[in-house]
C-alpha atoms as a PDB file:
ATOM      1  CA  MET A   1     -38.992 117.930  67.468  1.00  0.00           C
ATOM      2  CA  THR A   2     -38.474 114.442  68.119  1.00  0.00           C
ATOM      3  CA  ARG A   3     -40.585 112.162  70.454  1.00  0.00           C
ATOM      4  CA  GLY A   4     -39.514 109.618  72.834  1.00  0.00           C
ATOM      5  CA  ALA A   5     -39.069 106.151  71.687  1.00  0.00           C
ATOM      6  CA  GLY A   6     -42.203 104.769  74.121  1.00  0.00           C
ATOM      7  CA  GLY A   7     -41.841 102.816  77.556  1.00  0.00           C
ATOM      8  CA  PRO A   8     -41.615 104.305  80.974  1.00  0.00           C
ATOM      9  CA  GLY A   9     -41.369 107.951  80.938  1.00  0.00           C
ATOM     10  CA  GLY A  10     -41.408 108.303  77.017  1.00  0.00           C
ATOM     11  CA  GLU A  11     -44.346 108.531  74.973  1.00  0.00           C
ATOM     12  CA  ALA A  12     -46.236 105.946  72.713  1.00  0.00           C
ATOM     13  CA  ALA A  13     -43.954 104.462  69.831  1.00  0.00           C
ATOM     14  CA  PRO A  14     -45.184 104.904  66.385  1.00  0.00           C
ATOM     15  CA  ARG A  15     -48.409 102.835  65.389  1.00  0.00           C
ATOM     16  CA  ARG A  16     -47.180 101.910  62.240  1.00  0.00           C
ATOM     17  CA  VAL A  17     -43.681 100.323  61.165  1.00  0.00           C
ATOM     18  CA  VAL A  18     -42.683 100.090  57.555  1.00  0.00           C
ATOM     19  CA  TYR A  19     -39.805  98.054  56.856  1.00  0.00           C
ATOM     20  CA  TYR A  20     -37.446  98.148  53.740  1.00  0.00           C
ATOM     21  CA  ASP A  21     -38.924  95.651  51.098  1.00  0.00           C
ATOM     22  CA  HIS A  22     -35.867  93.499  49.798  1.00  0.00           C
ATOM     23  CA  ALA A  23     -37.902  92.222  47.164  1.00  0.00           C
ATOM     24  CA  ALA A  24     -38.271  95.421  45.166  1.00  0.00           C
ATOM     25  CA  PRO A  25     -34.390  96.899  45.667  1.00  0.00           C
ATOM     26  CA  GLY A  26     -34.277  98.960  42.199  1.00  0.00           C
ATOM     27  CA  ARG A  27     -37.569 100.839  43.281  1.00  0.00           C
ATOM     28  CA  ALA A  28     -36.932 104.120  44.942  1.00  0.00           C
ATOM     29  CA  GLN A  29     -37.965 103.364  48.504  1.00  0.00           C
ATOM     30  CA  PRO A  30     -37.540 106.760  50.571  1.00  0.00           C
ATOM     31  CA  PRO A  31     -36.167 107.447  53.087  1.00  0.00           C
ATOM     32  CA  PHE A  32     -33.687 104.193  52.603  1.00  0.00           C
ATOM     33  CA  ARG A  33     -30.676 105.721  51.119  1.00  0.00           C
ATOM     34  CA  ALA A  34     -27.674 103.841  48.956  1.00  0.00           C
ATOM     35  CA  GLY A  35     -24.294 105.421  48.683  1.00  0.00           C
ATOM     36  CA  GLU A  36     -20.961 104.248  46.866  1.00  0.00           C
ATOM     37  CA  ALA A  37     -17.036 104.176  47.181  1.00  0.00           C
ATOM     38  CA  SER A  38     -14.332 104.968  45.054  1.00  0.00           C
ATOM     39  CA  SER A  39     -10.803 104.769  44.070  1.00  0.00           C
ATOM     40  CA  VAL A  40      -9.906 108.595  43.526  1.00  0.00           C
ATOM     41  CA  GLU A  41      -6.104 109.995  42.550  1.00  0.00           C
ATOM     42  CA  LEU A  42      -5.205 113.545  41.223  1.00  0.00           C
ATOM     43  CA  ASP A  43      -4.393 113.930  37.733  1.00  0.00           C
ATOM     44  CA  PRO A  44      -1.341 115.810  36.703  1.00  0.00           C
ATOM     45  CA  SER A  45      -3.699 118.848  36.081  1.00  0.00           C
ATOM     46  CA  GLY A  46      -5.027 118.725  40.025  1.00  0.00           C
ATOM     47  CA  ASP A  47      -8.625 116.608  39.185  1.00  0.00           C
ATOM     48  CA  ALA A  48      -9.542 113.856  40.611  1.00  0.00           C
ATOM     49  CA  VAL A  49     -10.191 110.691  38.536  1.00  0.00           C
ATOM     50  CA  THR A  50     -12.102 107.807  39.997  1.00  0.00           C
ATOM     51  CA  ARG A  51     -10.649 104.426  39.156  1.00  0.00           C
ATOM     52  CA  ALA A  52     -12.731 102.082  40.814  1.00  0.00           C
ATOM     53  CA  ARG A  53     -16.406 102.237  42.180  1.00  0.00           C
ATOM     54  CA  VAL A  54     -18.472 100.121  44.617  1.00  0.00           C
ATOM     55  CA  ALA A  55     -21.836 100.439  45.169  1.00  0.00           C
ATOM     56  CA  VAL A  56     -23.245 100.558  48.602  1.00  0.00           C
ATOM     57  CA  PRO A  57     -27.259  99.375  48.544  1.00  0.00           C
ATOM     58  CA  PRO A  58     -29.780 100.684  51.110  1.00  0.00           C
ATOM     59  CA  ASN A  59     -29.424  97.312  52.726  1.00  0.00           C
ATOM     60  CA  SER A  60     -25.383  97.465  53.314  1.00  0.00           C
ATOM     61  CA  LEU A  61     -25.424 101.554  53.610  1.00  0.00           C
ATOM     62  CA  HIS A  62     -27.977 100.896  56.979  1.00  0.00           C
ATOM     63  CA  ALA A  63     -26.121  98.035  58.355  1.00  0.00           C
ATOM     64  CA  LEU A  64     -22.704 100.464  58.074  1.00  0.00           C
ATOM     65  CA  TYR A  65     -24.442 102.940  60.124  1.00  0.00           C
ATOM     66  CA  GLY A  66     -26.181 100.685  62.413  1.00  0.00           C
ATOM     67  CA  HIS A  67     -23.069  98.716  63.034  1.00  0.00           C
ATOM     68  CA  GLY A  68     -20.799 101.714  63.882  1.00  0.00           C
ATOM     69  CA  VAL A  69     -18.780 101.122  60.609  1.00  0.00           C
ATOM     70  CA  VAL A  70     -19.587 104.546  59.321  1.00  0.00           C
ATOM     71  CA  ALA A  71     -18.639 106.178  63.197  1.00  0.00           C
ATOM     72  CA  ALA A  72     -15.171 104.442  63.186  1.00  0.00           C
ATOM     73  CA  LEU A  73     -14.566 105.305  59.495  1.00  0.00           C
ATOM     74  CA  ALA A  74     -15.644 109.154  60.548  1.00  0.00           C
ATOM     75  CA  ARG A  75     -12.635 109.229  63.058  1.00  0.00           C
ATOM     76  CA  LEU A  76      -9.956 108.404  60.728  1.00  0.00           C
ATOM     77  CA  PRO A  77      -7.697 111.219  58.933  1.00  0.00           C
ATOM     78  CA  LEU A  78     -10.132 112.732  56.248  1.00  0.00           C
ATOM     79  CA  ALA A  79      -8.959 114.658  52.831  1.00  0.00           C
ATOM     80  CA  VAL A  80     -12.479 116.068  52.457  1.00  0.00           C
ATOM     81  CA  GLY A  81     -15.077 115.434  55.191  1.00  0.00           C
ATOM     82  CA  PRO A  82     -16.910 115.220  57.210  1.00  0.00           C
ATOM     83  CA  LEU A  83     -18.151 111.700  56.716  1.00  0.00           C
ATOM     84  CA  ALA A  84     -22.105 112.491  56.913  1.00  0.00           C
ATOM     85  CA  PRO A  85     -25.274 110.993  55.374  1.00  0.00           C
ATOM     86  CA  GLY A  86     -25.870 112.031  51.852  1.00  0.00           C
ATOM     87  CA  ARG A  87     -22.348 114.079  51.872  1.00  0.00           C
ATOM     88  CA  GLU A  88     -18.958 113.113  50.120  1.00  0.00           C
ATOM     89  CA  ALA A  89     -15.919 112.337  52.300  1.00  0.00           C
ATOM     90  CA  VAL A  90     -12.701 111.412  51.149  1.00  0.00           C
ATOM     91  CA  LEU A  91     -10.032 108.976  53.249  1.00  0.00           C
ATOM     92  CA  ARG A  92      -6.428 110.048  52.858  1.00  0.00           C
ATOM     93  CA  PRO A  93      -4.277 107.239  51.482  1.00  0.00           C
ATOM     94  CA  GLY A  94      -2.555 106.858  55.085  1.00  0.00           C
ATOM     95  CA  ALA A  95      -5.858 105.705  56.775  1.00  0.00           C
ATOM     96  CA  LEU A  96      -6.670 103.054  54.377  1.00  0.00           C
ATOM     97  CA  SER A  97      -5.032 100.389  56.298  1.00  0.00           C
ATOM     98  CA  GLU A  98      -7.180 101.139  59.572  1.00  0.00           C
ATOM     99  CA  ALA A  99     -10.151 101.668  57.047  1.00  0.00           C
ATOM    100  CA  SER A 100      -9.411  98.086  56.227  1.00  0.00           C
ATOM    101  CA  ARG A 101      -8.875  97.070  59.672  1.00  0.00           C
ATOM    102  CA  ILE A 102     -12.387  98.574  60.442  1.00  0.00           C
ATOM    103  CA  LEU A 103     -13.942  96.636  57.428  1.00  0.00           C
ATOM    104  CA  TYR A 104     -12.479  93.444  58.116  1.00  0.00           C
ATOM    105  CA  GLU A 105     -13.865  93.630  62.068  1.00  0.00           C
ATOM    106  CA  ALA A 106     -17.228  94.475  60.927  1.00  0.00           C
ATOM    107  CA  ASP A 107     -17.301  91.473  58.660  1.00  0.00           C
ATOM    108  CA  ARG A 108     -16.170  89.315  61.784  1.00  0.00           C
ATOM    109  CA  ARG A 109     -19.738  90.810  63.426  1.00  0.00           C
ATOM    110  CA  THR A 110     -21.932  89.602  60.646  1.00  0.00           C
ATOM    111  CA  TYR A 111     -21.842  85.695  61.196  1.00  0.00           C
ATOM    112  CA  GLY A 112     -24.384  83.831  63.128  1.00  0.00           C
ATOM    113  CA  ALA A 113     -27.132  86.719  64.120  1.00  0.00           C
ATOM    114  CA  THR A 114     -29.937  89.066  62.831  1.00  0.00           C
ATOM    115  CA  PHE A 115     -29.652  92.692  62.743  1.00  0.00           C
ATOM    116  CA  GLU A 116     -32.491  95.459  62.387  1.00  0.00           C
ATOM    117  CA  PHE A 117     -31.817  98.851  62.676  1.00  0.00           C
ATOM    118  CA  PRO A 118     -34.352 101.984  62.633  1.00  0.00           C
ATOM    119  CA  VAL A 119     -33.847 104.292  59.973  1.00  0.00           C
ATOM    120  CA  GLU A 120     -36.288 107.084  60.465  1.00  0.00           C
ATOM    121  CA  VAL A 121     -39.490 108.456  62.177  1.00  0.00           C
ATOM    122  CA  GLU A 122     -41.815 110.554  60.283  1.00  0.00           C
ATOM    123  CA  GLU A 123     -43.593 112.488  62.843  1.00  0.00           C
ATOM    124  CA  ALA A 124     -47.283 113.631  62.424  1.00  0.00           C
ATOM    125  CA  GLU A 125     -49.419 115.959  64.100  1.00  0.00           C
ATOM    126  CA  ASP A 126     -51.169 113.106  66.048  1.00  0.00           C
ATOM    127  CA  ALA A 127     -47.936 110.918  67.562  1.00  0.00           C
ATOM    128  CA  GLU A 128     -50.299 107.854  66.985  1.00  0.00           C
ATOM    129  CA  ALA A 129     -50.162 108.605  63.133  1.00  0.00           C
ATOM    130  CA  ASP A 130     -46.097 108.598  63.465  1.00  0.00           C
ATOM    131  CA  VAL A 131     -44.661 106.347  61.092  1.00  0.00           C
ATOM    132  CA  ALA A 132     -41.227 104.107  61.841  1.00  0.00           C
ATOM    133  CA  TYR A 133     -39.047 102.809  58.926  1.00  0.00           C
ATOM    134  CA  ARG A 134     -36.738  99.886  59.623  1.00  0.00           C
ATOM    135  CA  ILE A 135     -34.415  97.779  57.905  1.00  0.00           C
ATOM    136  CA  ALA A 136     -33.732  93.929  58.714  1.00  0.00           C
ATOM    137  CA  ILE A 137     -30.338  93.184  57.526  1.00  0.00           C
ATOM    138  CA  ASP A 138     -29.625  90.803  54.566  1.00  0.00           C
ATOM    139  CA  ASN A 139     -26.341  89.694  55.907  1.00  0.00           C
ATOM    140  CA  ARG A 140     -25.139  87.852  52.650  1.00  0.00           C
ATOM    141  CA  GLU A 141     -25.708  90.743  51.075  1.00  0.00           C
ATOM    142  CA  TYR A 142     -23.805  93.491  53.467  1.00  0.00           C
ATOM    143  CA  GLN A 143     -20.991  90.638  53.181  1.00  0.00           C
ATOM    144  CA  ARG A 144     -20.838  90.999  49.626  1.00  0.00           C
ATOM    145  CA  THR A 145     -20.706  94.855  50.045  1.00  0.00           C
ATOM    146  CA  LEU A 146     -17.953  94.777  52.907  1.00  0.00           C
ATOM    147  CA  SER A 147     -15.435  92.498  50.443  1.00  0.00           C
ATOM    148  CA  ARG A 148     -15.977  94.805  47.815  1.00  0.00           C
ATOM    149  CA  LEU A 149     -15.272  97.653  50.311  1.00  0.00           C
ATOM    150  CA  GLN A 150     -12.578  95.998  51.700  1.00  0.00           C
ATOM    151  CA  TYR A 151     -10.847  95.251  48.302  1.00  0.00           C
ATOM    152  CA  LEU A 152     -11.185  98.646  47.160  1.00  0.00           C
ATOM    153  CA  VAL A 153      -9.708  99.960  50.447  1.00  0.00           C
ATOM    154  CA  VAL A 154      -6.368  97.491  50.053  1.00  0.00           C
ATOM    155  CA  LEU A 155      -5.954  97.947  46.302  1.00  0.00           C
ATOM    156  CA  SER A 156      -6.299 102.022  46.673  1.00  0.00           C
ATOM    157  CA  GLY A 157      -3.983 102.105  49.823  1.00  0.00           C
ATOM    158  CA  ARG A 158      -1.513  99.844  47.431  1.00  0.00           C
ATOM    159  CA  GLU A 159      -1.274 102.137  45.214  1.00  0.00           C
ATOM    160  CA  GLY A 160      -1.430 105.257  47.084  1.00  0.00           C
ATOM    161  CA  ARG A 161      -4.934 106.123  46.021  1.00  0.00           C
ATOM    162  CA  ALA A 162      -7.584 108.048  48.049  1.00  0.00           C
ATOM    163  CA  VAL A 163     -11.357 106.769  48.877  1.00  0.00           C
ATOM    164  CA  ARG A 164     -14.101 108.441  48.210  1.00  0.00           C
ATOM    165  CA  LEU A 165     -17.436 107.664  50.248  1.00  0.00           C
ATOM    166  CA  ARG A 166     -20.793 109.015  49.963  1.00  0.00           C
ATOM    167  CA  LEU A 167     -22.727 106.903  52.539  1.00  0.00           C
END
């Protein structure tokens, strides 16, 4: 059961808010998740071979969702899918030009503003004990990840490879 976000006609907002700790990125901080992307191709026996890999840290992963980038990528033709939290999806080589455009557009929207996104609400018996998890986006880290993803997508497209995403 999901409760209202608070305000007129809604129930009380969670009393406790927990933010992602950017100072401790190597430490597990559920429910904040990380992901990855890689260039893949089929070898002569039909097995998938990974050629290049990009780590997608929690800051960037949640920014990709919050900015709607994952939703835009999910509308592209997939060889394997759907593109959903924690699941693997594969973008077809023919979709990589559009994926590159989506990533470049995402990068353009990161400058000159600060962003914060909800990640999850942990509900308790008593609504006042609910915990809201949020992340304030570090734009520089997000921009570095977008740049790495753009490079991976462009290079994979030029070489006729697919791109595997786990976001």
